[in-house]
Amino acid sequence: MAETVEERLARTMRAAADLVPDGSLLPDIQRRKAQRTRTRVQILLAAAAVIAVIAATSVAMPRPAPDRPASGEPSPAPTLSMLARPLAELWPQALVQAPARSSDGLAYQPKLALDATHLLLIASDRDDNPVRLDTYDTTTGTATTLTSIALTAELTSYTLESVAAGDGHVAWVTNAFTDGGESEMVTELWAAPWPAGPARRLASFAEGDHEGPSSSLVVGGGSVAWTGIEHVHSVPLTGGEPREIPGITPIGTSDLVVTNGTLSEWPWFQEIPDFLDVRPDGTIPSGKLTNIVTGQSFPIRAAAGVAMLDCGPQWCVGRVLQPNPVAPSPSDHASGSEAEGPWDRPVIQRLDGSGLQFLPMSPTADLMADRFAVSMSADRIYDPHSGQLASLDDPARQGASHSPGGSLIYGEGGVPGMWWVVNLKAIA
């Protein structure tokens, strides 16, 4: 009888629990404030969340990427003890303001960091329909219209699905519907030069077309590339026919996830093994990073005990399961929760497994701008280049939002009528 999904998931978690690093890697673990670990149910929910994260869209304007990923130095001793400094003190140039409304009354939402001093804003009407893409200069406080979004006359009910920038252009994907009795959805791919120039429709896809963008979108090398349902495709910024990128195929399929991979930044595609696939020795494969221009692939090598890696060409963020350092408390038993079981901890490492560092964040962390580890609530930002940890603990700053892989963290609060924004591209 074939295994059920539940049985496979349980087997995976048992195998992951065996991937425990040596105790010598935890010199400061006893200094941590005692806390209850999540229950087994929470661990399984975290595993399910990994499957959802696989399809997350990256919307970064990447800096020029190297031809091959960087190798790291020998791993330093991981640490759990880091003192956070307020971000406004550590990186004051990165914490800026952006308007919540345009001069003509449209609602603004920050979307991308174009460079160290320019943001891309989505302008929407009172019904929350995207109308325009504007750029905002944080040094002068000036907003400039880049392009309108609804550009095809026979289509209505536009939604903005994804946006990316690079190579002096901004690209975006829209879904809209034909204006008629039997309305059908049409997906369009557009691009416009930045800072100014006319928008160009690069491709149009009918409903159900597997070549259309379904996930991540990146810009570079004179092209726009995206992940479709089955393959990775690209089209020149100057126009032309979309083409399939050879040599990249899905490495795991299921009823829920067809393409287990993502374009992290130009020109890198990360292939992610099916989370439920465990090798006979009990380990979970880490996947590989492929240059979609040269076709060259580089294996992702997880450090001992590390799994669930999200990687760029420089750094990876993942998780490690450690022995639970806290004994169950009487309240745990009284409430029926179980405090035994592994202790899930986010880590950062190099692509080759070197440079492993435990992160003072919980329960998970995201990799942003192929450099920064950002806590799920975006209140902690760690820079492995400098070894510095920044905090965003100001209660006036509320509702932090960020996109894994991106370069922008933003939220409301502080100055009325303004967004607060952390532009990671402004950090040298």
Protein backbone atom coordinates (compact mmCIF):
# COMPACT_ATOMS: atom_id res chain seq x y z
CA MET A 1 0.00 0.00 0.00
CA ALA A 2 1.42 3.41 -0.99
CA GLU A 3 2.34 5.91 1.70
CA THR A 4 -0.11 8.69 2.37
CA VAL A 5 1.05 12.30 2.34
CA GLU A 6 0.66 12.38 6.12
CA GLU A 7 2.87 9.31 6.52
CA ARG A 8 5.53 10.74 4.21
CA LEU A 9 5.51 14.04 6.10
CA ALA A 10 5.88 12.25 9.42
CA ARG A 11 8.76 10.17 8.01
CA THR A 12 10.44 13.33 6.76
CA MET A 13 10.21 15.02 10.15
CA ARG A 14 11.63 11.93 11.88
CA ALA A 15 14.53 11.95 9.45
CA ALA A 16 15.08 15.67 9.92
CA ALA A 17 15.14 15.20 13.67
CA ASP A 18 18.14 12.89 13.24
CA LEU A 19 20.13 15.63 11.52
CA VAL A 20 21.29 17.06 14.83
CA PRO A 21 24.59 19.01 14.88
CA ASP A 22 27.30 18.21 17.39
CA GLY A 23 26.84 19.72 20.82
CA SER A 24 30.03 21.70 20.43
CA LEU A 25 28.22 23.93 17.99
CA LEU A 26 26.06 25.31 20.77
CA PRO A 27 28.46 27.10 23.18
CA ASP A 28 25.99 29.77 24.19
CA ILE A 29 22.80 27.76 24.18
CA GLN A 30 22.47 27.70 27.98
CA ARG A 31 22.48 31.49 28.07
CA ARG A 32 19.21 31.70 26.20
CA LYS A 33 16.18 32.70 28.16
CA ALA A 34 14.10 29.58 28.82
CA GLN A 35 11.27 29.26 26.41
CA ARG A 36 8.85 26.58 25.45
CA THR A 37 9.37 24.97 22.12
CA ARG A 38 6.61 24.63 19.65
CA THR A 39 4.48 21.52 19.80
CA ARG A 40 4.73 18.70 17.30
CA VAL A 41 1.69 20.10 15.57
CA GLN A 42 3.47 23.43 15.09
CA ILE A 43 6.50 21.64 13.64
CA LEU A 44 4.31 19.91 11.08
CA LEU A 45 2.64 23.23 10.25
CA ALA A 46 6.06 24.77 9.70
CA ALA A 47 6.90 21.94 7.33
CA ALA A 48 3.71 22.57 5.41
CA ALA A 49 4.59 26.25 5.23
CA VAL A 50 7.82 25.34 3.45
CA ILE A 51 5.82 23.88 0.58
CA ALA A 52 3.92 27.16 0.25
CA VAL A 53 7.12 29.20 0.35
CA ILE A 54 8.47 27.31 -2.68
CA ALA A 55 6.16 29.29 -4.97
CA ALA A 56 6.93 32.72 -3.49
CA THR A 57 7.72 35.42 -6.00
CA SER A 58 10.92 37.39 -5.82
CA VAL A 59 10.71 41.01 -6.91
CA ALA A 60 14.23 42.36 -6.57
CA MET A 61 16.33 44.52 -8.86
CA PRO A 62 19.59 42.58 -8.45
CA ARG A 63 23.03 44.03 -8.71
CA PRO A 64 25.24 42.52 -11.45
CA ALA A 65 25.65 38.87 -10.54
CA PRO A 66 28.87 36.89 -10.85
CA ASP A 67 29.20 34.05 -13.36
CA ARG A 68 29.53 31.56 -10.54
CA PRO A 69 28.52 31.54 -6.88
CA ALA A 70 31.06 32.69 -4.34
CA SER A 71 32.88 30.19 -2.15
CA GLY A 72 33.13 30.92 1.54
CA GLU A 73 35.89 30.79 4.09
CA PRO A 74 36.06 27.97 6.67
CA SER A 75 33.09 28.06 9.02
CA PRO A 76 33.42 30.13 12.18
CA ALA A 77 31.93 28.77 15.37
CA PRO A 78 28.16 29.37 15.24
CA THR A 79 26.81 31.70 17.88
CA LEU A 80 23.46 32.40 19.44
CA SER A 81 24.53 35.54 21.33
CA MET A 82 24.27 38.76 19.33
CA LEU A 83 23.34 42.21 20.60
CA ALA A 84 20.97 44.07 18.31
CA ARG A 85 21.38 47.79 17.66
CA PRO A 86 18.54 50.04 16.45
CA LEU A 87 18.53 50.12 12.67
CA ALA A 88 18.29 53.92 12.70
CA GLU A 89 21.67 54.01 14.46
CA LEU A 90 23.33 51.19 12.55
CA TRP A 91 22.22 52.03 8.99
CA PRO A 92 20.52 55.46 9.09
CA GLN A 93 20.77 55.88 5.31
CA ALA A 94 18.56 52.80 4.81
CA LEU A 95 15.59 53.99 6.90
CA VAL A 96 13.55 56.45 4.83
CA GLN A 97 9.98 57.71 4.34
CA ALA A 98 7.70 57.35 1.31
CA PRO A 99 4.29 59.00 0.74
CA ALA A 100 1.13 57.00 1.37
CA ARG A 101 -0.77 58.93 -1.35
CA SER A 102 0.05 60.51 -4.68
CA SER A 103 -0.62 64.15 -5.50
CA ASP A 104 -3.77 63.09 -7.41
CA GLY A 105 -5.16 61.05 -4.50
CA LEU A 106 -4.14 57.50 -5.44
CA ALA A 107 -3.00 55.15 -2.68
CA TYR A 108 0.70 54.30 -2.78
CA GLN A 109 2.28 51.00 -1.75
CA PRO A 110 6.06 50.49 -1.83
CA LYS A 111 7.03 47.60 -4.09
CA LEU A 112 10.73 47.61 -5.04
CA ALA A 113 14.03 49.25 -4.23
CA LEU A 114 15.38 50.32 -7.61
CA ASP A 115 18.68 51.54 -6.18
CA ALA A 116 19.98 53.14 -2.98
CA THR A 117 17.75 56.24 -3.33
CA HIS A 118 14.83 55.30 -5.60
CA LEU A 119 11.72 53.24 -4.84
CA LEU A 120 9.02 51.82 -7.10
CA LEU A 121 5.50 52.56 -5.84
CA ILE A 122 2.20 51.00 -6.95
CA ALA A 123 -0.57 53.62 -7.26
CA SER A 124 -4.09 52.19 -6.77
CA ASP A 125 -7.58 53.70 -6.88
CA ARG A 126 -10.15 53.71 -4.08
CA ASP A 127 -11.26 50.18 -5.06
CA ASP A 128 -7.66 48.95 -4.68
CA ASN A 129 -7.23 48.48 -8.42
CA PRO A 130 -3.64 49.13 -9.60
CA VAL A 131 -3.56 52.14 -11.91
CA ARG A 132 0.04 53.25 -12.25
CA LEU A 133 3.69 52.55 -11.44
CA ASP A 134 5.52 55.58 -10.01
CA THR A 135 9.11 56.04 -8.91
CA TYR A 136 10.06 57.98 -5.77
CA ASP A 137 13.36 59.72 -5.08
CA THR A 138 14.00 59.49 -1.32
CA THR A 139 16.64 62.24 -1.43
CA THR A 140 14.44 64.89 -3.09
CA GLY A 141 11.00 63.62 -2.06
CA THR A 142 9.87 63.65 -5.71
CA ALA A 143 7.46 61.13 -7.25
CA THR A 144 7.49 60.54 -11.02
CA THR A 145 5.09 58.50 -13.14
CA LEU A 146 6.81 55.58 -14.86
CA THR A 147 3.82 54.06 -16.68
CA SER A 148 0.12 53.24 -16.52
CA ILE A 149 -0.80 49.60 -15.91
CA ALA A 150 -4.03 49.14 -17.91
CA LEU A 151 -2.67 49.56 -21.43
CA THR A 152 -4.68 47.12 -23.58
CA ALA A 153 -8.03 48.62 -24.59
CA GLU A 154 -9.99 45.37 -24.98
CA LEU A 155 -9.09 44.13 -21.48
CA THR A 156 -10.70 45.03 -18.14
CA SER A 157 -10.33 44.25 -14.42
CA TYR A 158 -6.56 44.43 -14.31
CA THR A 159 -4.61 42.90 -11.42
CA LEU A 160 -0.88 43.26 -10.91
CA GLU A 161 0.67 39.86 -10.30
CA SER A 162 4.43 40.45 -10.07
CA VAL A 163 7.03 43.16 -10.64
CA ALA A 164 10.80 42.97 -11.11
CA ALA A 165 13.54 45.37 -12.12
CA GLY A 166 17.05 45.25 -13.48
CA ASP A 167 19.17 46.15 -16.49
CA GLY A 168 17.67 49.66 -16.52
CA HIS A 169 14.10 48.37 -16.88
CA VAL A 170 11.03 47.58 -14.81
CA ALA A 171 8.97 44.53 -15.86
CA TRP A 172 5.54 43.51 -14.62
CA VAL A 173 2.91 40.83 -15.14
CA THR A 174 -0.83 41.54 -15.21
CA ASN A 175 -3.94 39.42 -15.36
CA ALA A 176 -7.00 40.93 -17.02
CA PHE A 177 -10.20 39.78 -18.69
CA THR A 178 -11.57 40.13 -22.19
CA ASP A 179 -14.47 42.54 -22.42
CA GLY A 180 -17.37 40.43 -23.61
CA GLY A 181 -20.08 37.93 -22.77
CA GLU A 182 -17.67 35.00 -22.40
CA SER A 183 -14.88 36.70 -20.52
CA GLU A 184 -11.51 34.94 -20.53
CA MET A 185 -8.41 35.77 -18.55
CA VAL A 186 -5.35 37.07 -20.38
CA THR A 187 -1.88 37.31 -18.84
CA GLU A 188 0.42 40.02 -20.18
CA LEU A 189 4.11 40.71 -19.66
CA TRP A 190 5.22 44.34 -19.96
CA ALA A 191 8.45 46.29 -19.51
CA ALA A 192 9.43 49.96 -19.47
CA PRO A 193 12.86 51.58 -19.29
CA TRP A 194 13.75 53.38 -16.08
CA PRO A 195 13.92 56.30 -15.40
CA ALA A 196 11.79 57.09 -18.47
CA GLY A 197 10.55 55.65 -21.73
CA PRO A 198 7.51 54.02 -23.34
CA ALA A 199 6.16 50.71 -22.05
CA ARG A 200 6.35 47.69 -24.35
CA ARG A 201 4.16 44.58 -24.24
CA LEU A 202 6.60 41.69 -24.47
CA ALA A 203 4.19 38.75 -24.44
CA SER A 204 0.54 37.82 -24.03
CA PHE A 205 -0.78 34.44 -22.86
CA ALA A 206 -4.27 33.00 -23.03
CA GLU A 207 -5.81 31.36 -20.00
CA GLY A 208 -4.27 27.92 -19.43
CA ASP A 209 -1.10 28.62 -21.43
CA HIS A 210 1.68 26.82 -19.53
CA GLU A 211 4.32 29.17 -20.94
CA GLY A 212 2.86 32.15 -19.11
CA PRO A 213 4.43 33.53 -15.92
CA SER A 214 3.19 31.63 -12.89
CA SER A 215 5.87 32.38 -10.34
CA SER A 216 9.16 34.26 -10.09
CA LEU A 217 10.20 37.05 -12.47
CA VAL A 218 13.70 38.54 -13.00
CA VAL A 219 15.28 41.05 -15.39
CA GLY A 220 18.86 41.07 -16.68
CA GLY A 221 21.11 40.48 -19.65
CA GLY A 222 18.73 42.30 -21.97
CA SER A 223 15.90 39.87 -21.16
CA VAL A 224 13.04 39.11 -18.81
CA ALA A 225 12.91 35.56 -17.45
CA TRP A 226 10.15 33.81 -15.53
CA THR A 227 9.08 30.41 -14.25
CA GLY A 228 6.11 28.92 -16.03
CA ILE A 229 4.08 25.90 -15.04
CA GLU A 230 6.60 23.45 -16.50
CA HIS A 231 9.73 25.34 -17.59
CA VAL A 232 11.69 28.56 -17.32
CA HIS A 233 11.19 31.02 -20.19
CA SER A 234 12.64 34.34 -21.32
CA VAL A 235 11.99 37.08 -23.86
CA PRO A 236 14.23 39.99 -24.97
CA LEU A 237 13.45 43.44 -23.58
CA THR A 238 13.36 44.62 -27.19
CA GLY A 239 10.56 42.16 -27.99
CA GLY A 240 10.37 38.86 -29.80
CA GLU A 241 9.10 35.35 -29.24
CA PRO A 242 9.39 33.85 -25.74
CA ARG A 243 11.76 30.90 -25.61
CA GLU A 244 12.23 28.00 -23.24
CA ILE A 245 15.53 28.02 -21.35
CA PRO A 246 17.18 24.65 -22.10
CA GLY A 247 18.65 22.44 -19.42
CA ILE A 248 16.26 23.39 -16.62
CA THR A 249 13.47 20.95 -15.85
CA PRO A 250 11.25 20.43 -12.81
CA ILE A 251 12.92 18.12 -10.30
CA GLY A 252 9.82 17.28 -8.30
CA THR A 253 6.13 17.27 -9.17
CA SER A 254 2.97 16.71 -7.22
CA ASP A 255 -0.68 17.68 -7.42
CA LEU A 256 0.12 20.87 -5.51
CA VAL A 257 3.61 21.90 -6.65
CA VAL A 258 4.63 21.43 -10.28
CA THR A 259 7.82 23.46 -10.58
CA ASN A 260 9.91 23.14 -7.41
CA GLY A 261 12.19 26.05 -8.13
CA THR A 262 12.51 29.79 -8.29
CA LEU A 263 14.48 32.50 -10.03
CA SER A 264 16.21 34.06 -7.04
CA GLU A 265 17.93 36.85 -8.99
CA TRP A 266 19.34 37.21 -12.48
CA PRO A 267 20.67 34.84 -13.78
CA TRP A 268 20.21 32.23 -11.03
CA PHE A 269 17.55 29.52 -10.81
CA GLN A 270 17.36 27.52 -7.59
CA GLU A 271 16.03 24.00 -7.99
CA ILE A 272 14.38 22.88 -4.77
CA PRO A 273 13.78 19.17 -4.11
CA ASP A 274 10.34 18.03 -3.06
CA PHE A 275 10.23 18.48 0.72
CA LEU A 276 8.66 15.04 1.10
CA ASP A 277 11.51 13.30 -0.76
CA VAL A 278 13.99 11.83 1.71
CA ARG A 279 17.07 9.87 0.61
CA PRO A 280 17.52 6.28 1.82
CA ASP A 281 20.11 7.52 4.35
CA GLY A 282 17.49 9.84 5.87
CA THR A 283 18.88 13.11 4.52
CA ILE A 284 16.92 15.70 2.56
CA PRO A 285 18.57 16.86 -0.71
CA SER A 286 19.49 20.54 -0.93
CA GLY A 287 19.12 21.14 -4.67
CA LYS A 288 21.34 23.24 -6.91
CA LEU A 289 21.77 26.71 -8.39
CA THR A 290 21.84 27.01 -12.19
CA ASN A 291 23.03 29.95 -14.29
CA ILE A 292 20.30 30.28 -16.93
CA VAL A 293 22.69 32.08 -19.31
CA THR A 294 25.63 29.65 -19.25
CA GLY A 295 23.74 26.52 -18.16
CA GLN A 296 26.36 25.81 -15.50
CA SER A 297 25.03 24.32 -12.25
CA PHE A 298 26.45 24.42 -8.73
CA PRO A 299 25.31 22.08 -5.95
CA ILE A 300 23.92 23.59 -2.78
CA ARG A 301 25.79 21.94 0.09
CA ALA A 302 23.95 22.10 3.38
CA ALA A 303 26.04 22.33 6.54
CA ALA A 304 25.60 19.49 9.02
CA GLY A 305 22.03 19.31 10.26
CA VAL A 306 20.76 22.12 8.00
CA ALA A 307 17.76 21.74 5.68
CA MET A 308 15.12 23.82 3.88
CA LEU A 309 17.66 26.16 2.27
CA ASP A 310 16.74 29.26 0.29
CA CYS A 311 19.82 30.42 -1.64
CA GLY A 312 21.27 33.13 -3.80
CA PRO A 313 24.74 32.97 -5.36
CA GLN A 314 26.36 34.22 -2.13
CA TRP A 315 24.31 33.12 0.88
CA CYS A 316 21.64 30.64 1.98
CA VAL A 317 19.14 30.81 4.82
CA GLY A 318 17.75 27.57 6.24
CA ARG A 319 16.81 25.76 9.42
CA VAL A 320 18.46 23.31 11.75
CA LEU A 321 16.77 20.99 14.22
CA GLN A 322 18.55 20.90 17.58
CA PRO A 323 17.93 19.07 20.84
CA ASN A 324 15.42 20.87 23.00
CA PRO A 325 17.40 22.73 25.71
CA VAL A 326 14.33 23.40 27.87
CA ALA A 327 12.64 20.73 29.95
CA PRO A 328 8.82 20.60 29.89
CA SER A 329 7.24 22.86 32.50
CA PRO A 330 4.23 21.94 34.67
CA SER A 331 2.09 24.29 32.59
CA ASP A 332 3.09 22.37 29.46
CA HIS A 333 1.74 19.15 30.96
CA ALA A 334 -1.36 20.91 32.29
CA SER A 335 -2.19 22.37 28.89
CA GLY A 336 -1.46 19.14 27.06
CA SER A 337 1.38 20.65 25.00
CA GLU A 338 4.59 18.71 24.51
CA ALA A 339 7.94 20.44 24.94
CA GLU A 340 10.11 17.48 23.98
CA GLY A 341 11.07 17.12 20.32
CA PRO A 342 13.54 19.13 18.25
CA TRP A 343 14.16 22.85 18.52
CA ASP A 344 13.85 24.59 15.14
CA ARG A 345 16.46 27.30 14.58
CA PRO A 346 17.13 29.54 11.54
CA VAL A 347 20.70 29.68 10.23
CA ILE A 348 22.69 31.38 7.48
CA GLN A 349 25.52 29.75 5.51
CA ARG A 350 27.46 30.04 2.28
CA LEU A 351 26.33 28.12 -0.80
CA ASP A 352 29.09 25.55 -0.20
CA GLY A 353 28.10 24.98 3.45
CA SER A 354 30.79 27.17 5.01
CA GLY A 355 30.23 30.22 7.19
CA LEU A 356 27.44 28.63 9.24
CA GLN A 357 25.92 30.99 11.79
CA PHE A 358 22.90 30.52 14.01
CA LEU A 359 20.47 33.44 13.84
CA PRO A 360 18.93 35.11 16.91
CA MET A 361 15.49 35.03 15.33
CA SER A 362 12.40 32.91 15.68
CA PRO A 363 10.76 30.97 14.24
CA THR A 364 12.04 31.48 10.68
CA ALA A 365 14.15 33.86 8.60
CA ASP A 366 14.12 34.97 4.97
CA LEU A 367 17.07 35.70 2.69
CA MET A 368 16.86 39.18 1.18
CA ALA A 369 19.14 40.81 -1.41
CA ASP A 370 21.30 37.65 -1.30
CA ARG A 371 22.89 38.99 1.88
CA PHE A 372 20.53 39.82 4.72
CA ALA A 373 18.71 37.38 6.99
CA VAL A 374 15.39 38.96 7.99
CA SER A 375 13.13 37.59 10.71
CA MET A 376 9.59 36.61 9.80
CA SER A 377 8.22 39.67 11.62
CA ALA A 378 10.98 41.85 10.06
CA ASP A 379 12.02 43.17 13.48
CA ARG A 380 15.56 41.74 13.16
CA ILE A 381 17.95 42.10 10.20
CA TYR A 382 21.33 40.35 10.24
CA ASP A 383 24.19 41.25 7.89
CA PRO A 384 26.75 38.42 7.63
CA HIS A 385 29.21 40.71 5.82
CA SER A 386 29.65 42.91 8.88
CA GLY A 387 28.34 40.56 11.57
CA GLN A 388 25.90 43.26 12.70
CA LEU A 389 22.32 42.74 13.88
CA ALA A 390 19.78 45.55 13.50
CA SER A 391 16.47 45.86 15.33
CA LEU A 392 13.19 47.49 14.33
CA ASP A 393 11.53 47.54 17.73
CA ASP A 394 9.93 51.00 17.56
CA PRO A 395 6.24 50.40 18.49
CA ALA A 396 5.28 53.32 16.22
CA ARG A 397 6.35 51.26 13.22
CA GLN A 398 3.59 48.75 12.60
CA GLY A 399 2.70 46.01 10.15
CA ALA A 400 6.10 45.36 8.59
CA SER A 401 5.90 43.71 5.16
CA HIS A 402 8.63 42.22 3.01
CA SER A 403 9.08 39.83 0.10
CA PRO A 404 11.67 37.05 0.44
CA GLY A 405 14.46 37.72 -2.02
CA GLY A 406 13.60 41.41 -2.31
CA SER A 407 15.38 44.49 -1.01
CA LEU A 408 12.53 46.36 0.68
CA ILE A 409 10.88 46.26 4.11
CA TYR A 410 8.08 48.70 4.81
CA GLY A 411 5.20 49.46 7.12
CA GLU A 412 2.87 52.09 8.53
CA GLY A 413 3.25 54.29 11.59
CA GLY A 414 5.61 57.04 12.61
CA VAL A 415 5.00 60.05 10.36
CA PRO A 416 1.28 60.47 9.43
CA GLY A 417 0.57 59.99 5.73
CA MET A 418 3.90 58.28 5.12
CA TRP A 419 5.27 54.75 4.87
CA TRP A 420 8.47 53.91 6.70
CA VAL A 421 10.81 51.99 4.42
CA VAL A 422 14.04 50.03 4.91
CA ASN A 423 15.97 50.04 1.63
CA LEU A 424 18.55 47.26 1.84
CA LYS A 425 20.21 48.54 -1.34
CA ALA A 426 21.31 51.60 0.62
CA ILE A 427 23.54 49.50 2.90
CA ALA A 428 27.11 49.32 1.60
